[in-house]
Structure formats: C-alpha cells, structure tokens
Amino acid sequence: MDVLVFLIPVSLFLGGLGLAAFFWALGSRQFDDPEGDSRRILTDDYDDAPKR
C-alpha cells in the first residue's frame, strides 16, 4: 500500500502532461483541416495501382 503514495501522484502528473500536450496541439492549430480528407477521397489524384 505504500507504493500507492508514489504511483498516484506520478500517474496524475503523467495524465496532466498528456492533457497539456493535447491542449498545446490544439493551440498550435494542428487539427485545422476538417474538410481536407472528405474532399481528398473524392478526387482521382491518387492512383491505387502499384508503381512499376
């Protein structure tokens, strides 16, 4: 049970670090292409055939 004294703060710190990284990614506008994939799939620019 003594190990929980160390594991709980470490897990809270790592969770906060992950949350901070997520908010940093939102703030740096890395998720700003909501229309790109929906339009890219409809074009014939990409060929699925293997390259020779």
N, C-alpha and C. Protein backbone atom coordinates (compact mmCIF):
# COMPACT_ATOMS: atom_id res chain seq x y z
N MET A 1 0.81 -1.20 0.00
CA MET A 1 0.00 0.00 0.00
C MET A 1 0.85 1.26 0.00
N ASP A 2 2.09 1.17 0.47
CA ASP A 2 2.94 2.35 0.50
C ASP A 2 3.33 2.81 -0.90
N VAL A 3 3.31 1.87 -1.85
CA VAL A 3 3.69 2.23 -3.22
C VAL A 3 2.63 3.13 -3.86
N LEU A 4 1.40 3.08 -3.39
CA LEU A 4 0.35 3.94 -3.93
C LEU A 4 0.62 5.42 -3.64
N VAL A 5 1.36 5.69 -2.59
CA VAL A 5 1.72 7.07 -2.27
C VAL A 5 2.57 7.67 -3.39
N PHE A 6 3.34 6.84 -4.06
CA PHE A 6 4.17 7.30 -5.17
C PHE A 6 3.48 7.17 -6.52
N LEU A 7 2.71 6.10 -6.70
CA LEU A 7 2.11 5.83 -8.01
C LEU A 7 0.98 6.80 -8.35
N ILE A 8 0.19 7.19 -7.39
CA ILE A 8 -0.93 8.09 -7.66
C ILE A 8 -0.44 9.47 -8.11
N PRO A 9 0.51 10.10 -7.43
CA PRO A 9 0.99 11.39 -7.94
C PRO A 9 1.70 11.29 -9.29
N VAL A 10 2.43 10.19 -9.51
CA VAL A 10 3.11 10.01 -10.80
C VAL A 10 2.09 9.86 -11.91
N SER A 11 1.03 9.09 -11.67
CA SER A 11 0.01 8.92 -12.71
C SER A 11 -0.76 10.21 -12.96
N LEU A 12 -1.02 10.97 -11.92
CA LEU A 12 -1.68 12.27 -12.11
C LEU A 12 -0.78 13.24 -12.88
N PHE A 13 0.51 13.21 -12.60
CA PHE A 13 1.45 14.06 -13.32
C PHE A 13 1.52 13.67 -14.80
N LEU A 14 1.59 12.38 -15.09
CA LEU A 14 1.66 11.94 -16.49
C LEU A 14 0.36 12.23 -17.23
N GLY A 15 -0.77 12.08 -16.55
CA GLY A 15 -2.05 12.43 -17.17
C GLY A 15 -2.13 13.92 -17.46
N GLY A 16 -1.67 14.75 -16.53
CA GLY A 16 -1.64 16.19 -16.75
C GLY A 16 -0.69 16.57 -17.87
N LEU A 17 0.42 15.86 -17.97
CA LEU A 17 1.37 16.11 -19.04
C LEU A 17 0.75 15.77 -20.41
N GLY A 18 0.03 14.68 -20.46
CA GLY A 18 -0.66 14.31 -21.70
C GLY A 18 -1.75 15.32 -22.05
N LEU A 19 -2.47 15.79 -21.07
CA LEU A 19 -3.51 16.79 -21.29
C LEU A 19 -2.91 18.11 -21.76
N ALA A 20 -1.78 18.47 -21.17
CA ALA A 20 -1.09 19.70 -21.60
C ALA A 20 -0.60 19.58 -23.03
N ALA A 21 -0.09 18.39 -23.41
CA ALA A 21 0.35 18.17 -24.79
C ALA A 21 -0.82 18.25 -25.76
N PHE A 22 -1.97 17.74 -25.35
CA PHE A 22 -3.16 17.81 -26.21
C PHE A 22 -3.60 19.25 -26.41
N PHE A 23 -3.63 20.03 -25.33
CA PHE A 23 -4.04 21.43 -25.47
C PHE A 23 -3.00 22.24 -26.25
N TRP A 24 -1.72 21.87 -26.14
CA TRP A 24 -0.71 22.53 -26.95
C TRP A 24 -0.94 22.23 -28.43
N ALA A 25 -1.30 20.99 -28.76
CA ALA A 25 -1.57 20.63 -30.14
C ALA A 25 -2.79 21.38 -30.67
N LEU A 26 -3.79 21.55 -29.83
CA LEU A 26 -4.96 22.34 -30.24
C LEU A 26 -4.58 23.80 -30.47
N GLY A 27 -3.76 24.32 -29.58
CA GLY A 27 -3.37 25.73 -29.67
C GLY A 27 -2.46 26.02 -30.85
N SER A 28 -1.69 25.02 -31.28
CA SER A 28 -0.78 25.24 -32.41
C SER A 28 -1.45 24.91 -33.74
N ARG A 29 -2.76 24.73 -33.72
CA ARG A 29 -3.60 24.56 -34.91
C ARG A 29 -3.20 23.34 -35.75
N GLN A 30 -2.93 22.22 -35.11
CA GLN A 30 -2.55 21.01 -35.83
C GLN A 30 -3.76 20.21 -36.30
N PHE A 31 -4.94 20.56 -35.87
CA PHE A 31 -6.15 19.83 -36.24
C PHE A 31 -7.10 20.71 -37.05
N ASP A 32 -6.57 21.56 -37.91
CA ASP A 32 -7.40 22.55 -38.61
C ASP A 32 -7.72 22.20 -40.06
N ASP A 33 -7.87 20.93 -40.38
CA ASP A 33 -8.22 20.55 -41.74
C ASP A 33 -9.45 19.64 -41.73
N PRO A 34 -10.61 20.13 -41.29
CA PRO A 34 -11.77 19.26 -41.21
C PRO A 34 -12.35 18.89 -42.57
N GLU A 35 -12.13 19.70 -43.59
CA GLU A 35 -12.69 19.43 -44.90
C GLU A 35 -11.71 18.71 -45.82
N GLY A 36 -10.46 18.67 -45.48
CA GLY A 36 -9.44 18.13 -46.38
C GLY A 36 -9.63 16.67 -46.73
N ASP A 37 -9.81 15.82 -45.74
CA ASP A 37 -9.95 14.40 -46.02
C ASP A 37 -11.25 14.08 -46.74
N SER A 38 -12.30 14.78 -46.43
CA SER A 38 -13.57 14.48 -47.09
C SER A 38 -13.55 14.85 -48.57
N ARG A 39 -12.77 15.83 -48.94
CA ARG A 39 -12.66 16.19 -50.36
C ARG A 39 -11.56 15.41 -51.05
N ARG A 40 -10.51 15.06 -50.34
CA ARG A 40 -9.38 14.34 -50.92
C ARG A 40 -9.78 12.95 -51.38
N ILE A 41 -10.72 12.32 -50.70
CA ILE A 41 -11.10 10.96 -51.05
C ILE A 41 -11.91 10.92 -52.35
N LEU A 42 -12.51 12.04 -52.73
CA LEU A 42 -13.34 12.07 -53.92
C LEU A 42 -12.55 12.39 -55.19
N THR A 43 -11.31 12.79 -55.10
CA THR A 43 -10.54 13.15 -56.29
C THR A 43 -9.82 11.93 -56.84
N ASP A 44 -9.44 12.02 -58.10
CA ASP A 44 -8.71 10.94 -58.76
C ASP A 44 -7.21 11.23 -58.82
N ASP A 45 -6.73 12.09 -57.96
CA ASP A 45 -5.31 12.45 -57.98
C ASP A 45 -4.42 11.29 -57.56
N TYR A 46 -4.93 10.41 -56.73
CA TYR A 46 -4.13 9.31 -56.21
C TYR A 46 -4.52 8.03 -56.93
N ASP A 47 -3.52 7.29 -57.37
CA ASP A 47 -3.74 6.05 -58.07
C ASP A 47 -3.44 4.89 -57.12
N ASP A 48 -4.37 3.96 -57.01
CA ASP A 48 -4.18 2.84 -56.09
C ASP A 48 -3.37 1.72 -56.71
N ALA A 49 -3.05 1.81 -57.99
CA ALA A 49 -2.29 0.77 -58.66
C ALA A 49 -0.85 0.77 -58.15
N PRO A 50 -0.21 -0.38 -58.08
CA PRO A 50 1.18 -0.41 -57.64
C PRO A 50 2.10 0.26 -58.64
N LYS A 51 3.16 0.88 -58.15
CA LYS A 51 4.11 1.55 -59.02
C LYS A 51 5.05 0.55 -59.65
N ARG A 52 5.42 0.81 -60.91
CA ARG A 52 6.33 -0.10 -61.59
C ARG A 52 7.71 0.43 -61.64
